[in-house]
Every structure is written in structure tokens, then in C-alpha cells.
Amino acid sequence: MINPYVVSAYINLNNTMLTVNFNENMTLGPGWNTSDFDIHIEGEWAPYNFTYELLYTDTLFKFAN
């Protein structure tokens, strides 16, 4: 079995939103938390300081219950 992987990622023009697309649909279960998600960023502006939130959580958790 192949684990899901990122096929593309885009940052908007204001550098305020990162959109990540996976090779398959991802559904997060009700027990999911931020420690289950690992982010690695490379570039010239290190160290990075950011926060994140999940958008469309009503859709993400819809099928997990």
C-alpha cells in the first residue's frame, strides 16, 4: 500500500494561506489533533513563525462519524 502524499502546494499572493493537495481524498477522524500533523518548511526566511487552522471542517469530519 502507498501512503497518501502531497502532489502540490500553493501559497496565495498575500502569503496568508497555503493550500495542500494530496494524491487522494483525506478524511480526518474525530480523534485527530494538531500533533498528528508534521510540517516542514524550507527557504530563506527561517526561522518561520506561523499558525494554522483547518478550513471546511464540516466537510473534513462529515464522513468520519
Protein backbone atom coordinates (compact mmCIF):
# COMPACT_ATOMS: atom_id res chain seq x y z
CA MET A 1 0.00 0.00 0.00
CA ILE A 2 1.17 3.50 -0.79
CA ASN A 3 0.60 6.18 1.85
CA PRO A 4 -1.10 9.43 0.78
CA TYR A 5 1.34 12.07 -0.37
CA VAL A 6 1.34 15.76 -1.34
CA VAL A 7 1.08 16.36 -5.10
CA SER A 8 1.06 20.17 -4.98
CA ALA A 9 1.06 23.10 -2.59
CA TYR A 10 0.28 26.74 -3.31
CA ILE A 11 0.73 29.94 -1.29
CA ASN A 12 -1.62 32.83 -2.05
CA LEU A 13 -0.31 36.25 -3.11
CA ASN A 14 -0.60 37.66 0.44
CA ASN A 15 1.40 34.76 1.93
CA THR A 16 -1.50 34.09 4.29
CA MET A 17 -2.86 30.78 3.01
CA LEU A 18 -1.19 27.56 1.99
CA THR A 19 -3.29 25.08 0.03
CA VAL A 20 -2.04 21.50 0.04
CA ASN A 21 -3.36 18.89 -2.41
CA PHE A 22 -2.92 15.18 -1.79
CA ASN A 23 -2.98 12.29 -4.24
CA GLU A 24 -6.25 11.08 -2.72
CA ASN A 25 -9.09 12.41 -0.59
CA MET A 26 -8.18 12.82 3.06
CA THR A 27 -10.66 12.38 5.91
CA LEU A 28 -9.73 13.26 9.47
CA GLY A 29 -11.23 11.21 12.27
CA PRO A 30 -12.74 12.72 15.42
CA GLY A 31 -9.63 11.80 17.43
CA TRP A 32 -7.30 13.80 15.17
CA ASN A 33 -5.28 16.63 16.70
CA THR A 34 -2.53 19.00 15.62
CA SER A 35 0.24 16.77 16.97
CA ASP A 36 -0.70 14.23 14.25
CA PHE A 37 0.36 16.71 11.57
CA ASP A 38 4.04 17.40 10.83
CA ILE A 39 5.02 20.50 8.82
CA HIS A 40 8.47 21.06 7.34
CA ILE A 41 9.27 24.36 5.58
CA GLU A 42 12.49 25.23 3.81
CA GLY A 43 13.54 28.61 2.50
CA GLU A 44 15.43 31.83 3.05
CA TRP A 45 13.24 33.34 5.78
CA ALA A 46 13.90 30.81 8.55
CA PRO A 47 13.05 30.62 11.37
CA TYR A 48 9.40 30.55 10.40
CA ASN A 49 6.66 31.65 12.74
CA PHE A 50 3.15 30.62 11.73
CA THR A 51 -0.17 29.35 12.92
CA TYR A 52 -2.66 27.26 11.01
CA GLU A 53 -6.26 26.20 11.08
CA LEU A 54 -8.27 23.70 9.11
CA LEU A 55 -10.78 25.13 6.67
CA TYR A 56 -14.01 23.38 5.76
CA THR A 57 -14.02 21.24 8.90
CA ASP A 58 -17.71 20.48 8.35
CA THR A 59 -16.67 18.63 5.18
CA LEU A 60 -13.48 17.11 6.61
CA PHE A 61 -15.27 15.49 9.54
CA LYS A 62 -18.54 14.77 7.75
CA PHE A 63 -17.76 11.15 6.88
CA ALA A 64 -15.68 10.34 9.95
CA ASN A 65 -18.62 9.97 12.36
